[in-house]
Amino acid sequence: MNWPLKQFAPAESETTMNRWGAERIFAVPEDVDPSGRKEMQAHLKLGSKGSTSPRIYFLDDTEGITGRVIVGYIGPHLTNTKTK
């Protein structure tokens, strides 16, 4: 499936990560990270209507140990400078 490039964000801003980076740490298989948690900044924008616009945060491990894309979060827009 193709996704419009304008709806893909490979990373968050430095400000967002400094203030609300903890919101972007999600569960992963322990073979990806022994802690079972990993920061995920890459996300797909499912909508763009206000602060509840849904997002999918993911980790691209297609060239890593699992060979998969690991989805960490699907839900309302997480906190950033525009939602605060």
Protein backbone atom coordinates (compact mmCIF):
# COMPACT_ATOMS: atom_id res chain seq x y z
CA MET A 1 0.00 0.00 0.00
CA ASN A 2 1.26 3.47 -0.84
CA TRP A 3 0.95 6.33 1.62
CA PRO A 4 0.98 10.01 0.61
CA LEU A 5 4.40 11.42 1.47
CA LYS A 6 2.85 14.55 3.03
CA GLN A 7 1.15 12.27 5.60
CA PHE A 8 4.41 10.65 6.72
CA ALA A 9 6.67 12.16 9.39
CA PRO A 10 10.01 10.40 9.89
CA ALA A 11 10.73 12.21 13.16
CA GLU A 12 9.40 14.63 15.76
CA SER A 13 10.77 18.09 16.46
CA GLU A 14 13.47 18.52 19.06
CA THR A 15 11.06 20.55 21.20
CA THR A 16 8.42 17.82 21.09
CA MET A 17 10.93 15.14 22.01
CA ASN A 18 12.43 17.23 24.84
CA ARG A 19 9.04 17.94 26.38
CA TRP A 20 6.91 14.90 25.51
CA GLY A 21 9.34 12.26 24.25
CA ALA A 22 8.22 9.79 26.92
CA GLU A 23 4.83 9.59 25.19
CA ARG A 24 6.63 8.12 22.19
CA ILE A 25 8.16 5.08 23.90
CA PHE A 26 6.25 1.92 23.08
CA ALA A 27 6.42 -1.84 23.59
CA VAL A 28 8.58 -3.89 21.24
CA PRO A 29 9.70 -7.52 21.19
CA GLU A 30 12.63 -8.12 23.55
CA ASP A 31 14.76 -9.29 20.63
CA VAL A 32 14.51 -5.71 19.28
CA ASP A 33 15.36 -4.16 22.67
CA PRO A 34 15.98 -6.12 25.88
CA SER A 35 13.94 -3.56 27.86
CA GLY A 36 10.87 -4.37 25.78
CA ARG A 37 10.46 -0.65 25.01
CA LYS A 38 11.70 1.58 22.21
CA GLU A 39 11.31 5.20 21.17
CA MET A 40 9.29 5.61 17.98
CA GLN A 41 9.24 8.97 16.25
CA ALA A 42 8.19 7.92 12.75
CA HIS A 43 4.45 8.21 12.23
CA LEU A 44 1.67 8.27 9.70
CA LYS A 45 -0.98 10.96 9.85
CA LEU A 46 -4.42 9.42 9.42
CA GLY A 47 -6.25 12.73 9.65
CA SER A 48 -5.63 16.41 10.09
CA LYS A 49 -8.63 17.80 11.94
CA GLY A 50 -7.42 19.35 15.17
CA SER A 51 -5.62 17.80 18.09
CA THR A 52 -7.40 14.43 17.95
CA SER A 53 -6.18 13.64 14.43
CA PRO A 54 -5.23 9.95 14.62
CA ARG A 55 -1.65 8.79 14.23
CA ILE A 56 0.20 5.51 13.79
CA TYR A 57 3.66 5.43 15.40
CA PHE A 58 5.97 2.68 14.20
CA LEU A 59 9.49 1.28 14.12
CA ASP A 60 10.84 0.10 10.77
CA ASP A 61 12.74 -3.07 11.66
CA THR A 62 12.48 -4.54 8.15
CA GLU A 63 16.26 -4.73 7.94
CA GLY A 64 16.68 -5.65 11.60
CA ILE A 65 16.24 -8.79 13.65
CA THR A 66 12.47 -9.15 13.14
CA GLY A 67 12.25 -8.13 9.49
CA ARG A 68 8.99 -6.35 10.29
CA VAL A 69 7.40 -2.98 10.84
CA ILE A 70 6.43 -2.79 14.51
CA VAL A 71 3.42 -0.64 15.31
CA GLY A 72 3.68 0.97 18.72
CA TYR A 73 0.62 3.20 18.78
CA ILE A 74 -2.61 3.86 16.93
CA GLY A 75 -4.77 6.59 18.37
CA PRO A 76 -5.39 10.28 18.91
CA HIS A 77 -2.62 12.78 18.22
CA LEU A 78 0.02 12.73 20.96
CA THR A 79 1.06 15.91 22.76
CA ASN A 80 3.16 18.45 20.87
CA THR A 81 3.50 22.23 20.63
CA LYS A 82 0.31 22.49 18.57
CA THR A 83 -1.84 20.40 20.90
CA LYS A 84 -0.77 22.08 24.15
